[in-house]
């Protein structure tokens, strides 16, 4: 699978995506996502074919291979990027939760999927421009258990990032909580 270069002299493409948009302490992406590559096929099976074990395995691999990047340093809690309950009913699961489980298995950092909710059901982002993606998810998230996030360093986790609009919206909502700090990790990045 094509990896994103993890070198201190190389700027991870995820850093450029979020620069000036959301205050992530550290960002990282594990694999390169391209049309019809192995990463896309794996994530398609995870997201649309119900092969949840792919998420757990990719999370475990990412935790092993990314441990020296500092992405897990000082993290108190892993939060998978939430999906709306309507999408949860359709799909039956949140693919990012399985990634979070895999990360937790290796790092021993607790993960929780109930502290942040997606409250607005949005259309698929796949065919939208950057601006339309951002507008589509604006104000879509709430922190519903503030006391569990207050003064915590959170690792927000997603399966794939293209424009970063969803992670930006969710991340900015989490950062409204007093003392919250935030890292971000995606399994794949489209850059």
N, C-alpha and C. Protein backbone atom coordinates (compact mmCIF):
# COMPACT_ATOMS: atom_id res chain seq x y z
N UNK A 1 0.85 -1.18 0.00
CA UNK A 1 0.00 0.00 0.00
C UNK A 1 0.89 1.24 0.00
N UNK A 2 0.54 2.24 -0.76
CA UNK A 2 1.39 3.44 -0.85
C UNK A 2 1.32 4.29 0.41
N UNK A 3 2.46 4.42 1.09
CA UNK A 3 2.53 5.18 2.34
C UNK A 3 2.75 6.67 2.05
N UNK A 4 2.31 7.50 2.98
CA UNK A 4 2.70 8.90 3.00
C UNK A 4 4.06 8.93 3.69
N UNK A 5 4.99 9.65 3.13
CA UNK A 5 6.34 9.70 3.70
C UNK A 5 6.27 10.27 5.12
N UNK A 6 6.87 9.54 6.06
CA UNK A 6 6.92 9.98 7.46
C UNK A 6 8.37 10.34 7.78
N UNK A 7 8.73 11.54 7.44
CA UNK A 7 10.09 12.02 7.61
C UNK A 7 10.04 13.42 8.20
N UNK A 8 10.83 13.72 9.22
CA UNK A 8 10.77 15.05 9.83
C UNK A 8 11.09 16.18 8.85
N UNK A 9 11.81 15.88 7.78
CA UNK A 9 12.16 16.89 6.78
C UNK A 9 11.11 17.03 5.68
N UNK A 10 10.06 16.24 5.76
CA UNK A 10 8.99 16.24 4.75
C UNK A 10 7.72 16.74 5.40
N UNK A 11 7.07 17.69 4.76
CA UNK A 11 5.80 18.20 5.28
C UNK A 11 4.68 17.26 4.85
N UNK A 12 4.04 16.65 5.82
CA UNK A 12 2.91 15.77 5.53
C UNK A 12 1.81 16.59 4.87
N UNK A 13 1.21 16.10 3.79
CA UNK A 13 0.19 16.89 3.07
C UNK A 13 -1.01 17.29 3.93
N UNK A 14 -1.28 16.54 4.96
CA UNK A 14 -2.39 16.87 5.86
C UNK A 14 -2.13 18.22 6.55
N UNK A 15 -0.86 18.49 6.89
CA UNK A 15 -0.54 19.76 7.53
C UNK A 15 -0.93 20.94 6.65
N UNK A 16 -0.65 20.83 5.37
CA UNK A 16 -0.99 21.92 4.43
C UNK A 16 -2.50 22.10 4.29
N UNK A 17 -3.25 21.01 4.33
CA UNK A 17 -4.70 21.08 4.17
C UNK A 17 -5.33 21.94 5.27
N UNK A 18 -4.88 21.75 6.50
CA UNK A 18 -5.53 22.41 7.64
C UNK A 18 -4.87 23.72 8.07
N UNK A 19 -3.76 24.06 7.49
CA UNK A 19 -3.04 25.27 7.89
C UNK A 19 -3.95 26.50 7.83
N UNK A 20 -4.07 27.18 8.97
CA UNK A 20 -4.89 28.39 9.05
C UNK A 20 -6.39 28.13 9.14
N UNK A 21 -6.82 26.88 9.13
CA UNK A 21 -8.25 26.55 9.15
C UNK A 21 -8.71 25.97 10.48
N UNK A 22 -7.85 25.19 11.11
CA UNK A 22 -8.17 24.59 12.40
C UNK A 22 -6.85 24.38 13.15
N UNK A 23 -6.86 24.56 14.44
CA UNK A 23 -5.63 24.53 15.25
C UNK A 23 -5.33 23.10 15.73
N UNK A 24 -4.88 22.27 14.82
CA UNK A 24 -4.42 20.94 15.22
C UNK A 24 -2.97 21.07 15.70
N UNK A 25 -2.66 20.44 16.83
CA UNK A 25 -1.29 20.45 17.34
C UNK A 25 -0.38 19.65 16.41
N UNK A 26 -0.89 18.49 15.99
CA UNK A 26 -0.13 17.59 15.13
C UNK A 26 -1.11 16.89 14.21
N UNK A 27 -0.72 16.72 12.96
CA UNK A 27 -1.56 16.03 11.99
C UNK A 27 -0.73 14.98 11.27
N UNK A 28 -1.42 13.95 10.81
CA UNK A 28 -0.71 12.87 10.14
C UNK A 28 -1.69 12.07 9.28
N UNK A 29 -1.19 11.58 8.18
CA UNK A 29 -1.95 10.65 7.35
C UNK A 29 -1.05 9.47 7.05
N UNK A 30 -1.64 8.30 6.95
CA UNK A 30 -0.88 7.05 6.83
C UNK A 30 -0.66 6.64 5.37
N UNK A 31 -1.72 6.58 4.59
CA UNK A 31 -1.64 6.05 3.22
C UNK A 31 -2.06 7.08 2.18
N UNK A 32 -1.54 6.91 0.97
CA UNK A 32 -1.93 7.76 -0.14
C UNK A 32 -3.18 7.16 -0.80
N UNK A 33 -4.18 8.01 -0.98
CA UNK A 33 -5.45 7.62 -1.59
C UNK A 33 -5.48 8.16 -3.02
N UNK A 34 -5.57 7.26 -3.99
CA UNK A 34 -5.69 7.65 -5.40
C UNK A 34 -6.75 6.77 -6.04
N UNK A 35 -7.33 7.30 -7.09
CA UNK A 35 -8.37 6.57 -7.81
C UNK A 35 -7.87 5.19 -8.23
N UNK A 36 -8.59 4.16 -7.82
CA UNK A 36 -8.34 2.76 -8.17
C UNK A 36 -7.06 2.17 -7.59
N UNK A 37 -6.44 2.83 -6.60
CA UNK A 37 -5.28 2.19 -5.98
C UNK A 37 -5.74 1.25 -4.86
N UNK A 38 -4.80 0.52 -4.27
CA UNK A 38 -5.15 -0.46 -3.23
C UNK A 38 -5.83 0.20 -2.04
N UNK A 39 -5.38 1.39 -1.68
CA UNK A 39 -5.97 2.10 -0.55
C UNK A 39 -7.44 2.39 -0.81
N UNK A 40 -7.75 2.88 -2.00
CA UNK A 40 -9.14 3.18 -2.33
C UNK A 40 -10.00 1.92 -2.26
N UNK A 41 -9.48 0.83 -2.78
CA UNK A 41 -10.24 -0.42 -2.76
C UNK A 41 -10.49 -0.91 -1.33
N UNK A 42 -9.46 -0.83 -0.49
CA UNK A 42 -9.63 -1.24 0.91
C UNK A 42 -10.66 -0.37 1.62
N UNK A 43 -10.54 0.94 1.46
CA UNK A 43 -11.47 1.85 2.14
C UNK A 43 -12.88 1.73 1.60
N UNK A 44 -13.02 1.41 0.32
CA UNK A 44 -14.35 1.18 -0.25
C UNK A 44 -14.99 -0.05 0.42
N UNK A 45 -14.21 -1.10 0.60
CA UNK A 45 -14.73 -2.30 1.26
C UNK A 45 -15.07 -2.02 2.73
N UNK A 46 -14.27 -1.20 3.39
CA UNK A 46 -14.55 -0.82 4.77
C UNK A 46 -15.85 -0.01 4.85
N UNK A 47 -15.97 0.98 3.99
CA UNK A 47 -17.07 1.95 4.11
C UNK A 47 -18.39 1.45 3.53
N UNK A 48 -18.33 0.72 2.43
CA UNK A 48 -19.57 0.37 1.71
C UNK A 48 -19.88 -1.11 1.63
N UNK A 49 -18.93 -1.98 1.99
CA UNK A 49 -19.15 -3.42 1.90
C UNK A 49 -19.22 -4.11 3.25
N UNK A 50 -19.09 -3.33 4.31
CA UNK A 50 -19.24 -3.90 5.65
C UNK A 50 -18.07 -4.70 6.17
N UNK A 51 -16.89 -4.56 5.55
CA UNK A 51 -15.73 -5.31 6.02
C UNK A 51 -15.02 -4.47 7.10
N UNK A 52 -15.61 -4.46 8.28
CA UNK A 52 -15.16 -3.60 9.38
C UNK A 52 -13.74 -3.93 9.85
N UNK A 53 -13.34 -5.18 9.71
CA UNK A 53 -12.01 -5.61 10.15
C UNK A 53 -10.91 -4.83 9.43
N UNK A 54 -11.20 -4.34 8.23
CA UNK A 54 -10.21 -3.54 7.51
C UNK A 54 -9.88 -2.29 8.32
N UNK A 55 -10.90 -1.65 8.89
CA UNK A 55 -10.67 -0.46 9.69
C UNK A 55 -9.80 -0.75 10.90
N UNK A 56 -10.11 -1.82 11.61
CA UNK A 56 -9.34 -2.19 12.79
C UNK A 56 -7.89 -2.49 12.41
N UNK A 57 -7.71 -3.27 11.36
CA UNK A 57 -6.36 -3.64 10.92
C UNK A 57 -5.57 -2.42 10.46
N UNK A 58 -6.20 -1.54 9.67
CA UNK A 58 -5.51 -0.33 9.21
C UNK A 58 -5.16 0.57 10.41
N UNK A 59 -6.05 0.64 11.39
CA UNK A 59 -5.75 1.41 12.59
C UNK A 59 -4.55 0.85 13.34
N UNK A 60 -4.50 -0.47 13.46
CA UNK A 60 -3.37 -1.11 14.14
C UNK A 60 -2.06 -0.88 13.38
N UNK A 61 -2.10 -1.06 12.06
CA UNK A 61 -0.90 -0.81 11.24
C UNK A 61 -0.44 0.64 11.35
N UNK A 62 -1.38 1.56 11.29
CA UNK A 62 -1.04 2.99 11.39
C UNK A 62 -0.41 3.28 12.75
N UNK A 63 -0.96 2.72 13.82
CA UNK A 63 -0.40 2.95 15.16
C UNK A 63 1.03 2.45 15.26
N UNK A 64 1.28 1.29 14.68
CA UNK A 64 2.64 0.72 14.72
C UNK A 64 3.59 1.58 13.90
N UNK A 65 3.19 1.91 12.68
CA UNK A 65 4.11 2.62 11.78
C UNK A 65 4.24 4.11 12.09
N UNK A 66 3.25 4.70 12.75
CA UNK A 66 3.29 6.15 13.00
C UNK A 66 3.69 6.51 14.43
N UNK A 67 4.03 5.52 15.23
CA UNK A 67 4.31 5.81 16.65
C UNK A 67 5.45 6.79 16.83
N UNK A 68 6.44 6.79 15.95
CA UNK A 68 7.59 7.68 16.10
C UNK A 68 7.35 9.09 15.56
N UNK A 69 6.18 9.35 15.00
CA UNK A 69 5.88 10.69 14.48
C UNK A 69 5.45 11.65 15.58
N UNK A 70 5.10 11.14 16.74
CA UNK A 70 4.64 11.97 17.85
C UNK A 70 3.14 12.22 17.82
N UNK A 71 2.43 11.62 16.88
CA UNK A 71 0.99 11.85 16.75
C UNK A 71 0.22 11.38 17.99
N UNK A 72 0.76 10.40 18.71
CA UNK A 72 0.07 9.85 19.90
C UNK A 72 0.59 10.46 21.21
N UNK A 73 1.66 11.24 21.14
CA UNK A 73 2.25 11.84 22.35
C UNK A 73 1.23 12.71 23.06
N UNK A 74 1.10 12.52 24.35
CA UNK A 74 0.25 13.32 25.24
C UNK A 74 -1.24 13.23 24.93
N UNK A 75 -1.64 12.30 24.06
CA UNK A 75 -3.06 12.14 23.73
C UNK A 75 -3.75 11.38 24.86
N UNK A 76 -4.88 11.95 25.32
CA UNK A 76 -5.66 11.34 26.40
C UNK A 76 -6.80 10.47 25.88
N UNK A 77 -7.27 10.77 24.67
CA UNK A 77 -8.51 10.16 24.18
C UNK A 77 -8.54 10.19 22.66
N UNK A 78 -9.01 9.11 22.06
CA UNK A 78 -9.21 9.04 20.61
C UNK A 78 -10.70 9.17 20.33
N UNK A 79 -11.03 10.06 19.40
CA UNK A 79 -12.43 10.23 19.00
C UNK A 79 -12.54 10.02 17.49
N UNK A 80 -13.33 9.02 17.07
CA UNK A 80 -13.57 8.84 15.64
C UNK A 80 -14.49 9.95 15.13
N UNK A 81 -14.24 10.45 13.95
CA UNK A 81 -15.11 11.47 13.36
C UNK A 81 -16.51 10.89 13.27
N UNK A 82 -17.49 11.54 13.92
CA UNK A 82 -18.84 10.96 13.96
C UNK A 82 -19.58 11.07 12.62
N UNK A 83 -20.51 10.17 12.43
CA UNK A 83 -21.43 10.25 11.29
C UNK A 83 -22.84 10.45 11.86
N UNK A 84 -23.72 10.98 11.05
CA UNK A 84 -25.09 11.25 11.48
C UNK A 84 -25.83 9.94 11.72
N UNK A 85 -26.80 9.97 12.65
CA UNK A 85 -27.55 8.74 12.99
C UNK A 85 -28.29 8.16 11.78
N UNK A 86 -28.70 8.99 10.84
CA UNK A 86 -29.36 8.48 9.63
C UNK A 86 -28.40 7.64 8.80
N UNK A 87 -27.16 8.13 8.67
CA UNK A 87 -26.14 7.36 7.94
C UNK A 87 -25.76 6.12 8.74
N UNK A 88 -25.77 6.23 10.05
CA UNK A 88 -25.46 5.07 10.89
C UNK A 88 -26.51 3.97 10.69
N UNK A 89 -27.76 4.37 10.59
CA UNK A 89 -28.83 3.38 10.34
C UNK A 89 -28.67 2.73 8.97
N UNK A 90 -28.30 3.53 7.97
CA UNK A 90 -28.13 3.00 6.61
C UNK A 90 -26.95 2.02 6.56
N UNK A 91 -25.80 2.47 7.08
CA UNK A 91 -24.58 1.70 6.97
C UNK A 91 -24.46 0.65 8.08
N UNK A 92 -24.98 0.99 9.26
CA UNK A 92 -24.91 0.06 10.38
C UNK A 92 -23.70 0.27 11.28
N UNK A 93 -22.79 1.12 10.90
CA UNK A 93 -21.57 1.36 11.68
C UNK A 93 -20.87 2.61 11.17
N UNK A 94 -19.97 3.12 12.00
CA UNK A 94 -19.11 4.24 11.62
C UNK A 94 -17.73 3.66 11.34
N UNK A 95 -17.29 3.76 10.10
CA UNK A 95 -16.01 3.17 9.70
C UNK A 95 -14.84 3.75 10.49
N UNK A 96 -14.91 5.04 10.87
CA UNK A 96 -13.82 5.65 11.63
C UNK A 96 -13.72 5.09 13.04
N UNK A 97 -14.83 4.57 13.57
CA UNK A 97 -14.79 3.94 14.88
C UNK A 97 -13.91 2.69 14.85
N UNK A 98 -13.95 1.95 13.76
CA UNK A 98 -13.12 0.75 13.66
C UNK A 98 -11.64 1.11 13.54
N UNK A 99 -11.36 2.20 12.86
CA UNK A 99 -9.98 2.70 12.81
C UNK A 99 -9.54 3.08 14.23
N UNK A 100 -10.39 3.80 14.96
CA UNK A 100 -10.09 4.20 16.34
C UNK A 100 -9.84 2.98 17.22
N UNK A 101 -10.64 1.92 17.04
CA UNK A 101 -10.44 0.67 17.81
C UNK A 101 -9.05 0.11 17.56
N UNK A 102 -8.65 0.08 16.29
CA UNK A 102 -7.32 -0.44 15.94
C UNK A 102 -6.21 0.39 16.55
N UNK A 103 -6.35 1.71 16.49
CA UNK A 103 -5.35 2.59 17.11
C UNK A 103 -5.28 2.34 18.61
N UNK A 104 -6.44 2.22 19.24
CA UNK A 104 -6.52 1.98 20.68
C UNK A 104 -5.90 0.63 21.07
N UNK A 105 -6.11 -0.38 20.26
CA UNK A 105 -5.54 -1.71 20.52
C UNK A 105 -4.03 -1.65 20.69
N UNK A 106 -3.37 -0.83 19.89
CA UNK A 106 -1.91 -0.76 19.91
C UNK A 106 -1.40 0.28 20.90
N UNK A 107 -2.05 1.42 21.00
CA UNK A 107 -1.55 2.52 21.83
C UNK A 107 -2.04 2.48 23.27
N UNK A 108 -3.08 1.70 23.54
CA UNK A 108 -3.73 1.65 24.85
C UNK A 108 -4.36 2.99 25.25
N UNK A 109 -4.63 3.84 24.27
CA UNK A 109 -5.35 5.09 24.52
C UNK A 109 -6.83 4.80 24.31
N UNK A 110 -7.64 5.16 25.30
CA UNK A 110 -9.08 4.91 25.24
C UNK A 110 -9.70 5.65 24.05
N UNK A 111 -10.68 5.03 23.41
CA UNK A 111 -11.44 5.74 22.38
C UNK A 111 -12.90 5.81 22.81
N UNK A 112 -13.56 6.88 22.37
CA UNK A 112 -14.96 7.09 22.72
C UNK A 112 -15.69 7.67 21.53
N UNK A 113 -16.85 7.11 21.23
CA UNK A 113 -17.61 7.58 20.07
C UNK A 113 -18.85 8.37 20.44
N UNK A 114 -19.07 8.63 21.73
CA UNK A 114 -20.32 9.28 22.14
C UNK A 114 -20.15 10.72 22.61
N UNK A 115 -18.93 11.24 22.61
CA UNK A 115 -18.70 12.57 23.16
C UNK A 115 -19.00 13.68 22.16
N UNK A 116 -18.93 13.38 20.88
CA UNK A 116 -19.20 14.36 19.82
C UNK A 116 -20.23 13.73 18.89
N UNK A 117 -21.20 14.53 18.47
CA UNK A 117 -22.26 14.04 17.59
C UNK A 117 -22.34 14.88 16.33
N UNK A 118 -22.70 14.22 15.25
CA UNK A 118 -23.04 14.94 14.03
C UNK A 118 -24.56 15.13 14.07
N UNK A 119 -24.99 16.37 14.12
CA UNK A 119 -26.40 16.67 14.34
C UNK A 119 -27.15 17.03 13.06
N UNK A 120 -26.42 17.32 11.99
CA UNK A 120 -27.06 17.66 10.72
C UNK A 120 -26.68 16.61 9.70
N UNK A 121 -27.69 15.98 9.11
CA UNK A 121 -27.43 14.99 8.06
C UNK A 121 -27.07 15.75 6.79
N UNK A 122 -25.92 15.45 6.23
CA UNK A 122 -25.46 16.13 5.02
C UNK A 122 -25.36 15.16 3.87
N UNK A 123 -25.41 15.72 2.68
CA UNK A 123 -25.27 14.90 1.47
C UNK A 123 -23.84 14.38 1.38
N UNK A 124 -23.64 13.40 0.53
CA UNK A 124 -22.31 12.88 0.28
C UNK A 124 -21.40 14.00 -0.20
N UNK A 125 -20.16 13.96 0.25
CA UNK A 125 -19.19 14.98 -0.11
C UNK A 125 -18.42 14.63 -1.39
N UNK A 126 -18.56 13.43 -1.87
CA UNK A 126 -17.64 12.91 -2.89
C UNK A 126 -17.60 13.72 -4.18
N UNK A 127 -18.67 14.35 -4.58
CA UNK A 127 -18.67 15.06 -5.85
C UNK A 127 -18.77 16.59 -5.68
N UNK A 128 -18.46 17.08 -4.50
CA UNK A 128 -18.60 18.51 -4.22
C UNK A 128 -17.24 19.22 -4.29
N UNK A 129 -17.29 20.51 -4.64
CA UNK A 129 -16.08 21.34 -4.63
C UNK A 129 -15.67 21.59 -3.19
N UNK A 130 -14.47 22.13 -2.99
CA UNK A 130 -13.97 22.43 -1.65
C UNK A 130 -14.94 23.34 -0.89
N UNK A 131 -15.40 24.43 -1.53
CA UNK A 131 -16.29 25.37 -0.86
C UNK A 131 -17.62 24.71 -0.52
N UNK A 132 -18.17 23.94 -1.47
CA UNK A 132 -19.46 23.28 -1.22
C UNK A 132 -19.33 22.23 -0.12
N UNK A 133 -18.18 21.57 -0.04
CA UNK A 133 -17.95 20.60 1.04
C UNK A 133 -17.97 21.31 2.39
N UNK A 134 -17.28 22.46 2.44
CA UNK A 134 -17.21 23.20 3.68
C UNK A 134 -18.60 23.68 4.09
N UNK A 135 -19.37 24.25 3.15
CA UNK A 135 -20.73 24.72 3.45
C UNK A 135 -21.64 23.56 3.86
N UNK A 136 -21.44 22.40 3.26
CA UNK A 136 -22.26 21.22 3.52
C UNK A 136 -22.14 20.75 4.97
N UNK A 137 -20.97 20.93 5.59
CA UNK A 137 -20.76 20.41 6.95
C UNK A 137 -20.66 21.51 8.01
N UNK A 138 -20.75 22.75 7.60
CA UNK A 138 -20.68 23.86 8.54
C UNK A 138 -21.73 23.69 9.64
N UNK A 139 -21.32 23.82 10.87
CA UNK A 139 -22.21 23.71 12.05
C UNK A 139 -22.91 22.35 12.16
N UNK A 140 -22.26 21.30 11.69
CA UNK A 140 -22.86 19.96 11.70
C UNK A 140 -22.61 19.18 12.98
N UNK A 141 -21.70 19.65 13.83
CA UNK A 141 -21.26 18.87 14.98
C UNK A 141 -21.52 19.60 16.29
N UNK A 142 -21.73 18.82 17.35
CA UNK A 142 -21.79 19.36 18.72
C UNK A 142 -21.01 18.43 19.64
N UNK A 143 -20.46 19.03 20.67
CA UNK A 143 -19.86 18.24 21.75
C UNK A 143 -20.97 18.05 22.76
N UNK A 144 -21.39 16.82 22.94
CA UNK A 144 -22.51 16.57 23.85
C UNK A 144 -22.09 16.08 25.22
N UNK A 145 -20.80 15.90 25.42
CA UNK A 145 -20.28 15.54 26.75
C UNK A 145 -19.03 16.37 27.02
N UNK A 146 -19.25 17.66 27.23
CA UNK A 146 -18.17 18.62 27.40
C UNK A 146 -17.21 18.22 28.52
N UNK A 147 -17.75 17.75 29.64
CA UNK A 147 -16.91 17.41 30.78
C UNK A 147 -15.91 16.30 30.46
N UNK A 148 -16.21 15.46 29.48
CA UNK A 148 -15.31 14.36 29.11
C UNK A 148 -14.17 14.83 28.20
N UNK A 149 -14.30 16.04 27.66
CA UNK A 149 -13.30 16.57 26.72
C UNK A 149 -12.52 17.74 27.34
N UNK A 150 -13.10 18.37 28.34
CA UNK A 150 -12.46 19.53 28.98
C UNK A 150 -11.05 19.16 29.44
N UNK A 151 -10.09 20.01 29.05
CA UNK A 151 -8.67 19.85 29.42
C UNK A 151 -8.05 18.54 28.95
N UNK A 152 -8.59 17.98 27.88
CA UNK A 152 -8.05 16.73 27.32
C UNK A 152 -7.36 17.01 25.99
N UNK A 153 -6.37 16.18 25.70
CA UNK A 153 -5.71 16.21 24.40
C UNK A 153 -6.33 15.07 23.59
N UNK A 154 -7.04 15.44 22.54
CA UNK A 154 -7.84 14.51 21.74
C UNK A 154 -7.12 14.18 20.43
N UNK A 155 -7.22 12.93 20.01
CA UNK A 155 -6.82 12.55 18.66
C UNK A 155 -8.11 12.29 17.89
N UNK A 156 -8.42 13.17 16.93
CA UNK A 156 -9.58 13.02 16.06
C UNK A 156 -9.15 12.15 14.89
N UNK A 157 -9.97 11.13 14.57
CA UNK A 157 -9.59 10.13 13.57
C UNK A 157 -10.63 10.04 12.46
N UNK A 158 -10.15 9.96 11.22
CA UNK A 158 -11.03 9.78 10.06
C UNK A 158 -10.42 8.74 9.13
N UNK A 159 -11.26 8.19 8.26
CA UNK A 159 -10.76 7.19 7.32
C UNK A 159 -9.99 7.84 6.17
N UNK A 160 -10.58 8.84 5.51
CA UNK A 160 -9.91 9.47 4.36
C UNK A 160 -10.20 10.97 4.36
N UNK A 161 -9.21 11.74 3.96
CA UNK A 161 -9.34 13.19 3.86
C UNK A 161 -9.12 13.61 2.41
N UNK A 162 -10.04 14.41 1.91
CA UNK A 162 -9.84 15.03 0.59
C UNK A 162 -9.64 16.53 0.79
N UNK A 163 -10.69 17.26 1.07
CA UNK A 163 -10.54 18.70 1.33
C UNK A 163 -10.35 19.01 2.80
N UNK A 164 -10.74 18.11 3.68
CA UNK A 164 -10.62 18.33 5.12
C UNK A 164 -11.78 19.09 5.74
N UNK A 165 -12.82 19.37 4.97
CA UNK A 165 -13.94 20.19 5.46
C UNK A 165 -14.64 19.56 6.66
N UNK A 166 -14.87 18.27 6.64
CA UNK A 166 -15.58 17.60 7.73
C UNK A 166 -14.74 17.62 9.01
N UNK A 167 -13.46 17.27 8.89
CA UNK A 167 -12.58 17.29 10.06
C UNK A 167 -12.40 18.71 10.60
N UNK A 168 -12.36 19.68 9.71
CA UNK A 168 -12.25 21.08 10.13
C UNK A 168 -13.46 21.49 10.96
N UNK A 169 -14.63 21.18 10.47
CA UNK A 169 -15.86 21.55 11.17
C UNK A 169 -15.93 20.87 12.54
N UNK A 170 -15.67 19.60 12.59
CA UNK A 170 -15.70 18.85 13.85
C UNK A 170 -14.59 19.32 14.79
N UNK A 171 -13.40 19.48 14.26
CA UNK A 171 -12.26 19.91 15.07
C UNK A 171 -12.49 21.27 15.71
N UNK A 172 -13.01 22.21 14.95
CA UNK A 172 -13.26 23.54 15.50
C UNK A 172 -14.32 23.51 16.59
N UNK A 173 -15.27 22.61 16.48
CA UNK A 173 -16.28 22.47 17.54
C UNK A 173 -15.65 21.91 18.82
N UNK A 174 -14.80 20.92 18.69
CA UNK A 174 -14.11 20.34 19.85
C UNK A 174 -13.23 21.40 20.52
N UNK A 175 -12.57 22.22 19.72
CA UNK A 175 -11.66 23.22 20.28
C UNK A 175 -12.37 24.35 21.02
N UNK A 176 -13.70 24.41 20.94
CA UNK A 176 -14.45 25.39 21.73
C UNK A 176 -14.51 25.00 23.21
N UNK A 177 -14.22 23.74 23.48
CA UNK A 177 -14.25 23.24 24.86
C UNK A 177 -12.98 23.72 25.59
N UNK A 178 -13.18 24.23 26.80
CA UNK A 178 -12.07 24.77 27.59
C UNK A 178 -10.94 23.75 27.75
N UNK A 179 -9.73 24.18 27.41
CA UNK A 179 -8.53 23.37 27.60
C UNK A 179 -8.34 22.23 26.62
N UNK A 180 -9.23 22.09 25.66
CA UNK A 180 -9.09 20.99 24.69
C UNK A 180 -7.94 21.27 23.73
N UNK A 181 -7.16 20.24 23.47
CA UNK A 181 -6.11 20.27 22.45
C UNK A 181 -6.43 19.15 21.48
N UNK A 182 -5.94 19.30 20.26
CA UNK A 182 -6.39 18.38 19.22
C UNK A 182 -5.28 17.99 18.26
N UNK A 183 -5.14 16.68 18.04
CA UNK A 183 -4.34 16.13 16.95
C UNK A 183 -5.31 15.52 15.96
N UNK A 184 -4.84 15.27 14.74
CA UNK A 184 -5.70 14.66 13.74
C UNK A 184 -4.91 13.61 12.98
N UNK A 185 -5.57 12.46 12.78
CA UNK A 185 -4.96 11.38 12.00
C UNK A 185 -6.00 10.83 11.04
N UNK A 186 -5.61 10.70 9.78
CA UNK A 186 -6.45 10.00 8.82
C UNK A 186 -5.70 8.79 8.30
N UNK A 187 -6.44 7.75 8.01
CA UNK A 187 -5.80 6.57 7.42
C UNK A 187 -5.27 6.91 6.03
N UNK A 188 -6.05 7.68 5.27
CA UNK A 188 -5.62 8.01 3.92
C UNK A 188 -5.82 9.48 3.61
N UNK A 189 -5.06 9.95 2.64
CA UNK A 189 -5.12 11.34 2.20
C UNK A 189 -5.06 11.36 0.68
N UNK A 190 -5.89 12.18 0.08
CA UNK A 190 -5.97 12.23 -1.39
C UNK A 190 -4.95 13.18 -2.01
N UNK A 191 -3.89 13.52 -1.29
CA UNK A 191 -2.86 14.42 -1.83
C UNK A 191 -1.53 13.75 -1.92
